[in-house]
Amino acid sequence: MASTSLLALVLSTLTAQTAPPPDFSAEAAERFARLALECVHREYPNKIAHVMAGDADARPPRELTPAFYGCYDWHSSVHGHWLLARLARVYPEAPFAAQAREALARSLTPENIAAETRYLGAPGRVSFERPYGLAWLLQLAAELREWDDPQARGWVTTLAPLETLSAQRLREWLPKLSRPIRVGEHDQTAFAFGLVLDWARRAGDDGMRGLVETRARDFYEKDRRAPLAYEPSGHDFLSPCLAEADLMRRVLPPARFATWLKDFLPDLPTQAVGSKSAPKADAWLEPAVVTDPGDPKLAHLDGLNLSRAWMLEGIASALPAQDKRRGTLEAAARRHREAGLRSVTGAHYEGGHWLGSFAVYLVTRRGLSQP
């Protein structure tokens, strides 16, 4: 667990709304790297979503999915590996970088990925980790593709069969999906679409890019008056409304997005933050409060604060500099950033096994980087 002085350093270096990776110190990054290093090869406790076809399928996680068996569940293991790749790429000289590489090398072997691919492709698993885990798998592939490093290029080759199958599963599913999935947990389509679209653009997969953009327009372009006041639900770690807006800023041209957002969030304050005549701008969208960080479902709200922060930053970034809504969005992002980062302590494994990934996605501005 981080000391009080380190926590103060992390918060002081990360609360600026526009902090790019160079302003996020290696010392602060170490805190999040340790969370992933401590769990990517920790097998138990483990929560598996496993369809069994017979007695032979009753096997421990390390045999079922030998690359991604740690961090409590498959998707958390995948984005735990993404965290290590991201931080080792951004901070190649940091003390934790060598350990991150060792952990990635231990997991991303041809034998392990071949077993993962067989597992995903087996009968009865057509919906396995769809869309959340598969989207994070593609995000891991995207991170490795962008890493100009010989070892990373080897991992790209090794991961390719699983990357291809994950993309194919989503490619087959999207045309058949008749409605968006508007929840605050893993099944949500808007957040997953954003990750998949970012991957498709980086991988040069124009077919997937076009498919996701078309489905996003089909599902969301006509939406009006988002029920933001109904959020959050008690177990949310993603905002259905903000994730939709963060997706659409990736899909729509800037001018069209600005107009769409006016219809989608018509009550978003336009007055200057701090104005005595417009206190609503200062209190718009307050962070969620976790009542029991040791409860794995209630702790989701810590993740909600982190994901809301990066979504708010993403939405603001797509608006013109003079747009009066930016101040409200940026102020809300700062509040959520501060609340979310305070929660990433590792004191409770229920949150520690995954919150570091959300923190790193936020502070390294991954969702705002362009291919």
Protein backbone atom coordinates (compact mmCIF):
# COMPACT_ATOMS: atom_id res chain seq x y z
CA MET A 1 0.00 0.00 0.00
CA ALA A 2 1.30 3.45 -0.90
CA SER A 3 2.62 5.71 1.83
CA THR A 4 0.89 8.99 2.60
CA SER A 5 3.70 10.95 0.94
CA LEU A 6 3.56 8.83 -2.22
CA LEU A 7 -0.21 9.15 -2.38
CA ALA A 8 0.16 12.93 -2.11
CA LEU A 9 2.72 12.87 -4.91
CA VAL A 10 0.43 10.79 -7.12
CA LEU A 11 -2.51 13.09 -6.58
CA SER A 12 -0.47 16.26 -7.03
CA THR A 13 0.98 15.03 -10.33
CA LEU A 14 -2.22 13.58 -11.72
CA THR A 15 -5.05 15.95 -10.90
CA ALA A 16 -4.30 18.42 -13.68
CA GLN A 17 -6.90 17.84 -16.36
CA THR A 18 -4.46 17.75 -19.23
CA ALA A 19 -1.63 15.75 -17.66
CA PRO A 20 0.11 13.83 -20.49
CA PRO A 21 2.26 10.77 -19.73
CA PRO A 22 5.51 12.82 -19.33
CA ASP A 23 3.90 14.62 -16.36
CA PHE A 24 2.96 11.31 -14.74
CA SER A 25 6.14 10.40 -12.89
CA ALA A 26 7.72 6.96 -12.94
CA GLU A 27 7.47 6.96 -9.15
CA ALA A 28 3.71 7.37 -9.39
CA ALA A 29 3.52 4.74 -12.13
CA GLU A 30 5.31 2.26 -9.87
CA ARG A 31 2.33 2.22 -7.55
CA PHE A 32 0.01 0.99 -10.28
CA ALA A 33 2.55 -1.37 -11.83
CA ARG A 34 2.90 -3.15 -8.48
CA LEU A 35 -0.83 -3.82 -8.33
CA ALA A 36 -0.70 -5.64 -11.67
CA LEU A 37 2.56 -7.45 -10.93
CA GLU A 38 1.04 -8.80 -7.74
CA CYS A 39 -1.99 -10.26 -9.47
CA VAL A 40 -1.35 -11.29 -13.08
CA HIS A 41 0.01 -14.65 -11.92
CA ARG A 42 -2.03 -14.94 -8.74
CA GLU A 43 -4.49 -17.73 -9.45
CA TYR A 44 -6.76 -17.55 -6.41
CA PRO A 45 -9.26 -16.25 -5.50
CA ASN A 46 -10.69 -16.73 -8.97
CA LYS A 47 -14.09 -16.11 -10.52
CA ILE A 48 -14.41 -17.96 -13.82
CA ALA A 49 -17.21 -17.75 -16.39
CA HIS A 50 -16.76 -21.27 -17.67
CA VAL A 51 -19.14 -23.37 -19.76
CA MET A 52 -18.47 -27.05 -19.09
CA ALA A 53 -19.23 -29.68 -21.72
CA GLY A 54 -18.20 -32.58 -19.50
CA ASP A 55 -16.11 -33.76 -16.55
CA ALA A 56 -12.88 -33.09 -18.45
CA ASP A 57 -13.64 -29.37 -18.33
CA ALA A 58 -13.39 -29.33 -14.52
CA ARG A 59 -9.86 -27.93 -14.41
CA PRO A 60 -8.10 -25.11 -12.56
CA PRO A 61 -7.86 -21.65 -14.15
CA ARG A 62 -4.14 -21.95 -14.94
CA GLU A 63 -4.93 -24.93 -17.20
CA LEU A 64 -8.07 -23.51 -18.77
CA THR A 65 -6.58 -20.13 -19.74
CA PRO A 66 -2.83 -20.31 -19.05
CA ALA A 67 -2.02 -16.77 -20.21
CA PHE A 68 -4.84 -14.92 -18.46
CA TYR A 69 -5.71 -16.88 -15.32
CA GLY A 70 -4.74 -14.32 -12.66
CA CYS A 71 -6.26 -11.12 -11.32
CA TYR A 72 -9.48 -12.82 -10.15
CA ASP A 73 -11.07 -13.09 -13.62
CA TRP A 74 -10.09 -13.32 -17.30
CA HIS A 75 -10.86 -9.77 -18.36
CA SER A 76 -9.04 -8.25 -15.38
CA SER A 77 -6.02 -10.38 -16.19
CA VAL A 78 -6.10 -9.16 -19.79
CA HIS A 79 -6.19 -5.50 -18.83
CA GLY A 80 -3.66 -6.14 -16.08
CA HIS A 81 -1.29 -7.27 -18.84
CA TRP A 82 -2.27 -4.18 -20.84
CA LEU A 83 -1.32 -2.03 -17.82
CA LEU A 84 2.15 -3.63 -17.68
CA ALA A 85 2.67 -3.17 -21.42
CA ARG A 86 1.49 0.42 -21.26
CA LEU A 87 3.71 1.43 -18.36
CA ALA A 88 6.77 -0.49 -19.59
CA ARG A 89 6.37 1.21 -22.95
CA VAL A 90 5.93 4.70 -21.48
CA TYR A 91 8.63 4.26 -18.81
CA PRO A 92 11.24 1.87 -20.27
CA GLU A 93 13.90 2.93 -17.74
CA ALA A 94 11.70 2.71 -14.63
CA PRO A 95 12.67 0.15 -11.96
CA PHE A 96 9.48 -1.84 -12.58
CA ALA A 97 9.90 -2.06 -16.38
CA ALA A 98 12.10 -5.17 -16.34
CA GLN A 99 9.65 -6.97 -14.05
CA ALA A 100 6.76 -5.95 -16.27
CA ARG A 101 8.57 -7.42 -19.28
CA GLU A 102 9.26 -10.62 -17.36
CA ALA A 103 5.60 -10.96 -16.44
CA LEU A 104 4.50 -10.36 -20.04
CA ALA A 105 7.05 -12.85 -21.34
CA ARG A 106 5.87 -15.48 -18.87
CA SER A 107 2.27 -15.11 -20.03
CA LEU A 108 2.57 -14.36 -23.74
CA THR A 109 4.17 -17.57 -24.96
CA PRO A 110 3.10 -19.38 -28.13
CA GLU A 111 1.95 -22.36 -26.07
CA ASN A 112 -0.17 -20.24 -23.72
CA ILE A 113 -1.78 -18.23 -26.51
CA ALA A 114 -2.49 -21.40 -28.51
CA ALA A 115 -4.30 -22.78 -25.45
CA GLU A 116 -6.22 -19.51 -24.99
CA THR A 117 -7.26 -19.61 -28.65
CA ARG A 118 -8.46 -23.21 -28.34
CA TYR A 119 -10.41 -22.30 -25.23
CA LEU A 120 -12.12 -19.30 -26.83
CA GLY A 121 -12.90 -21.29 -29.98
CA ALA A 122 -14.40 -24.30 -28.21
CA PRO A 123 -18.14 -25.10 -28.55
CA GLY A 124 -20.39 -23.26 -26.12
CA ARG A 125 -18.11 -20.24 -25.75
CA VAL A 126 -19.38 -18.00 -28.51
CA SER A 127 -20.30 -15.30 -25.98
CA PHE A 128 -17.25 -15.72 -23.72
CA GLU A 129 -16.10 -12.31 -22.46
CA ARG A 130 -18.15 -10.54 -25.12
CA PRO A 131 -17.78 -7.63 -25.48
CA TYR A 132 -15.75 -6.35 -22.52
CA GLY A 133 -12.96 -8.89 -22.25
CA LEU A 134 -12.56 -9.24 -26.00
CA ALA A 135 -12.37 -5.45 -26.37
CA TRP A 136 -9.61 -5.30 -23.76
CA LEU A 137 -7.76 -8.12 -25.55
CA LEU A 138 -7.77 -5.99 -28.68
CA GLN A 139 -6.60 -3.00 -26.64
CA LEU A 140 -3.67 -5.10 -25.39
CA ALA A 141 -2.87 -5.98 -29.00
CA ALA A 142 -3.04 -2.31 -29.96
CA GLU A 143 -0.63 -1.34 -27.19
CA LEU A 144 1.87 -3.97 -28.28
CA ARG A 145 1.53 -2.93 -31.95
CA GLU A 146 2.43 0.66 -31.08
CA TRP A 147 5.44 -0.32 -28.97
CA ASP A 148 8.58 0.10 -31.06
CA ASP A 149 10.52 -2.67 -29.37
CA PRO A 150 11.82 -6.05 -30.60
CA GLN A 151 10.34 -8.01 -27.71
CA ALA A 152 6.97 -6.31 -28.13
CA ARG A 153 6.98 -7.13 -31.84
CA GLY A 154 7.47 -10.76 -30.90
CA TRP A 155 4.48 -10.58 -28.57
CA VAL A 156 2.39 -9.08 -31.37
CA THR A 157 3.14 -12.14 -33.48
CA THR A 158 2.46 -14.49 -30.59
CA LEU A 159 -0.84 -12.84 -29.68
CA ALA A 160 -2.07 -12.64 -33.29
CA PRO A 161 -4.17 -15.85 -33.32
CA LEU A 162 -6.10 -14.80 -30.23
CA GLU A 163 -6.38 -11.23 -31.50
CA THR A 164 -7.79 -12.50 -34.80
CA LEU A 165 -10.32 -14.79 -33.16
CA SER A 166 -11.43 -12.09 -30.69
CA ALA A 167 -11.99 -9.64 -33.53
CA GLN A 168 -13.84 -12.29 -35.53
CA ARG A 169 -16.17 -13.04 -32.62
CA LEU A 170 -17.11 -9.37 -32.43
CA ARG A 171 -17.35 -9.08 -36.21
CA GLU A 172 -19.88 -11.92 -36.33
CA TRP A 173 -21.88 -10.58 -33.39
CA LEU A 174 -22.26 -6.92 -34.27
CA PRO A 175 -24.49 -7.31 -37.36
CA LYS A 176 -26.84 -9.55 -35.37
CA LEU A 177 -27.09 -7.28 -32.32
CA SER A 178 -30.48 -5.60 -32.61
CA ARG A 179 -30.23 -3.19 -29.67
CA PRO A 180 -27.43 -1.49 -27.72
CA ILE A 181 -26.67 -2.79 -24.23
CA ARG A 182 -27.14 0.13 -21.87
CA VAL A 183 -25.80 -1.09 -18.54
CA GLY A 184 -23.01 0.09 -16.26
CA GLU A 185 -21.12 -3.20 -16.16
CA HIS A 186 -19.28 -5.57 -18.51
CA ASP A 187 -21.97 -6.09 -21.14
CA GLN A 188 -22.21 -2.41 -22.08
CA THR A 189 -21.70 -1.85 -25.79
CA ALA A 190 -20.69 1.84 -25.85
CA PHE A 191 -17.46 1.43 -23.87
CA ALA A 192 -16.46 -1.75 -25.69
CA PHE A 193 -17.15 -0.11 -29.06
CA GLY A 194 -14.72 2.68 -28.14
CA LEU A 195 -11.92 0.23 -27.33
CA VAL A 196 -12.60 -1.84 -30.45
CA LEU A 197 -12.74 1.23 -32.68
CA ASP A 198 -9.43 2.53 -31.31
CA TRP A 199 -7.89 -0.90 -31.99
CA ALA A 200 -9.30 -1.09 -35.51
CA ARG A 201 -7.84 2.30 -36.40
CA ARG A 202 -4.42 1.37 -35.04
CA ALA A 203 -4.46 -2.09 -36.65
CA GLY A 204 -5.59 -0.72 -39.99
CA ASP A 205 -8.68 -2.94 -39.97
CA ASP A 206 -10.96 -0.78 -42.11
CA GLY A 207 -13.69 -3.41 -42.14
CA MET A 208 -14.02 -3.46 -38.36
CA ARG A 209 -13.69 0.31 -38.22
CA GLY A 210 -16.57 0.76 -40.62
CA LEU A 211 -18.69 -1.86 -38.88
CA VAL A 212 -18.27 -0.31 -35.42
CA GLU A 213 -18.88 3.21 -36.70
CA THR A 214 -22.04 2.07 -38.49
CA ARG A 215 -23.36 0.21 -35.47
CA ALA A 216 -22.59 3.19 -33.21
CA ARG A 217 -24.60 5.47 -35.47
CA ASP A 218 -27.42 2.93 -35.67
CA PHE A 219 -27.64 2.59 -31.91
CA TYR A 220 -26.85 6.07 -30.62
CA GLU A 221 -27.01 8.87 -33.16
CA LYS A 222 -30.73 9.53 -32.64
CA ASP A 223 -30.54 9.46 -28.84
CA ARG A 224 -31.89 12.53 -27.04
CA ARG A 225 -32.09 13.67 -23.40
CA ALA A 226 -29.90 11.05 -21.78
CA PRO A 227 -31.25 10.05 -18.33
CA LEU A 228 -28.02 10.97 -16.54
CA ALA A 229 -29.95 11.69 -13.34
CA TYR A 230 -30.70 7.97 -13.08
CA GLU A 231 -27.01 7.17 -12.78
CA PRO A 232 -25.24 5.52 -11.18
CA SER A 233 -26.76 2.16 -10.43
CA GLY A 234 -25.34 0.54 -7.32
CA HIS A 235 -22.87 -1.74 -9.12
CA ASP A 236 -21.82 0.49 -12.04
CA PHE A 237 -18.19 0.89 -13.05
CA LEU A 238 -19.09 2.46 -16.41
CA SER A 239 -21.51 5.29 -17.11
CA PRO A 240 -24.01 4.30 -19.83
CA CYS A 241 -24.63 7.93 -20.78
CA LEU A 242 -21.07 9.25 -20.68
CA ALA A 243 -19.65 6.17 -22.39
CA GLU A 244 -22.09 6.75 -25.24
CA ALA A 245 -20.97 10.36 -25.61
CA ASP A 246 -17.31 9.34 -25.39
CA LEU A 247 -17.92 6.86 -28.19
CA MET A 248 -19.80 9.30 -30.39
CA ARG A 249 -17.00 11.90 -30.21
CA ARG A 250 -14.87 9.22 -31.89
CA VAL A 251 -17.48 8.65 -34.62
CA LEU A 252 -19.02 12.02 -35.47
CA PRO A 253 -17.26 15.00 -37.07
CA PRO A 254 -16.53 17.72 -34.46
CA ALA A 255 -19.29 20.11 -35.50
CA ARG A 256 -21.84 17.32 -35.69
CA PHE A 257 -20.74 15.99 -32.30
CA ALA A 258 -21.13 19.40 -30.64
CA THR A 259 -24.71 19.58 -31.90
CA TRP A 260 -25.45 15.96 -31.00
CA LEU A 261 -24.18 16.54 -27.45
CA LYS A 262 -26.51 19.52 -27.03
CA ASP A 263 -29.48 17.25 -27.74
CA PHE A 264 -28.06 14.35 -25.75
CA LEU A 265 -27.14 16.33 -22.60
CA PRO A 266 -29.33 19.42 -22.88
CA ASP A 267 -28.98 20.25 -19.18
CA LEU A 268 -25.19 20.40 -19.27
CA PRO A 269 -24.43 23.84 -17.71
CA THR A 270 -22.82 26.44 -19.92
CA GLN A 271 -22.07 29.04 -17.24
CA ALA A 272 -18.51 29.52 -16.06
CA VAL A 273 -17.43 27.24 -13.23
CA GLY A 274 -17.20 29.27 -10.01
CA SER A 275 -19.85 31.74 -11.04
CA LYS A 276 -22.00 32.78 -8.07
CA SER A 277 -25.00 33.05 -10.37
CA ALA A 278 -24.59 29.50 -11.65
CA PRO A 279 -23.66 27.13 -8.80
CA LYS A 280 -24.94 24.13 -10.79
CA ALA A 281 -21.83 24.20 -12.96
CA ASP A 282 -19.67 23.56 -9.88
CA ALA A 283 -21.72 20.61 -8.61
CA TRP A 284 -22.76 18.98 -11.87
CA LEU A 285 -22.23 15.21 -11.67
CA GLU A 286 -20.67 14.52 -8.29
CA PRO A 287 -18.40 11.49 -7.76
CA ALA A 288 -19.88 8.29 -6.39
CA VAL A 289 -19.09 7.15 -2.84
CA VAL A 290 -18.16 3.55 -2.04
CA THR A 291 -19.63 2.33 1.25
CA ASP A 292 -17.62 -0.91 1.44
CA PRO A 293 -14.43 -1.17 -0.65
CA GLY A 294 -14.08 -4.81 0.42
CA ASP A 295 -17.27 -5.76 -1.42
CA PRO A 296 -16.37 -6.65 -5.02
CA LYS A 297 -19.60 -5.28 -6.46
CA LEU A 298 -19.90 -2.14 -4.32
CA ALA A 299 -16.25 -1.35 -5.12
CA HIS A 300 -17.29 -0.97 -8.76
CA LEU A 301 -18.17 2.64 -7.98
CA ASP A 302 -14.48 3.44 -7.47
CA GLY A 303 -13.95 2.35 -11.05
CA LEU A 304 -16.92 4.45 -12.11
CA ASN A 305 -15.19 7.59 -10.84
CA LEU A 306 -12.08 6.74 -12.86
CA SER A 307 -13.94 5.87 -16.06
CA ARG A 308 -16.20 8.90 -15.75
CA ALA A 309 -13.09 11.07 -15.47
CA TRP A 310 -11.57 9.83 -18.73
CA MET A 311 -14.95 9.94 -20.49
CA LEU A 312 -15.55 13.51 -19.39
CA GLU A 313 -12.08 14.47 -20.58
CA GLY A 314 -12.75 12.76 -23.89
CA ILE A 315 -16.06 14.53 -24.40
CA ALA A 316 -14.53 17.91 -23.56
CA SER A 317 -11.60 17.32 -25.89
CA ALA A 318 -13.93 16.97 -28.87
CA LEU A 319 -15.60 20.34 -28.32
CA PRO A 320 -14.26 23.66 -29.65
CA ALA A 321 -11.99 25.52 -27.24
CA GLN A 322 -14.55 28.31 -26.88
CA ASP A 323 -17.46 25.96 -26.14
CA LYS A 324 -18.92 27.02 -22.79
CA ARG A 325 -19.69 23.44 -21.79
CA ARG A 326 -16.02 22.54 -21.56
CA GLY A 327 -15.54 24.20 -18.18
CA THR A 328 -18.27 22.13 -16.57
CA LEU A 329 -17.01 18.90 -18.14
CA GLU A 330 -13.41 19.58 -17.12
CA ALA A 331 -14.34 20.49 -13.55
CA ALA A 332 -16.38 17.31 -13.19
CA ALA A 333 -13.51 15.31 -14.64
CA ARG A 334 -11.12 16.73 -12.04
CA ARG A 335 -13.45 15.83 -9.18
CA HIS A 336 -13.88 12.30 -10.45
CA ARG A 337 -10.15 11.94 -11.12
CA GLU A 338 -9.25 12.93 -7.57
CA ALA A 339 -11.89 10.67 -6.00
CA GLY A 340 -11.00 7.74 -8.23
CA LEU A 341 -7.23 7.92 -7.75
CA ARG A 342 -7.62 8.06 -3.96
CA SER A 343 -9.32 4.67 -4.12
CA VAL A 344 -6.49 2.84 -5.91
CA THR A 345 -4.62 1.64 -2.84
CA GLY A 346 -4.47 -2.13 -3.14
CA ALA A 347 -5.81 -2.44 0.41
CA HIS A 348 -8.62 -4.68 -0.84
CA TYR A 349 -8.02 -7.27 -3.55
CA GLU A 350 -11.63 -6.85 -4.64
CA GLY A 351 -10.65 -3.48 -6.11
CA GLY A 352 -6.88 -3.78 -6.31
CA HIS A 353 -6.96 -6.50 -8.97
CA TRP A 354 -8.47 -4.15 -11.57
CA LEU A 355 -8.58 -0.49 -10.50
CA GLY A 356 -4.95 0.07 -11.42
CA SER A 357 -5.77 -0.57 -15.07
CA PHE A 358 -8.51 2.05 -14.99
CA ALA A 359 -6.17 4.51 -13.27
CA VAL A 360 -3.45 4.00 -15.89
CA TYR A 361 -5.94 4.33 -18.76
CA LEU A 362 -6.95 7.67 -17.23
CA VAL A 363 -3.62 9.20 -16.27
CA THR A 364 -1.80 8.20 -19.48
CA ARG A 365 -4.74 9.57 -21.50
CA ARG A 366 -4.94 6.38 -23.51
CA GLY A 367 -8.44 7.09 -24.78
CA LEU A 368 -7.31 10.44 -26.17
CA SER A 369 -4.18 9.26 -27.99
CA GLN A 370 -4.52 8.96 -31.74
CA PRO A 371 -3.13 6.29 -34.06
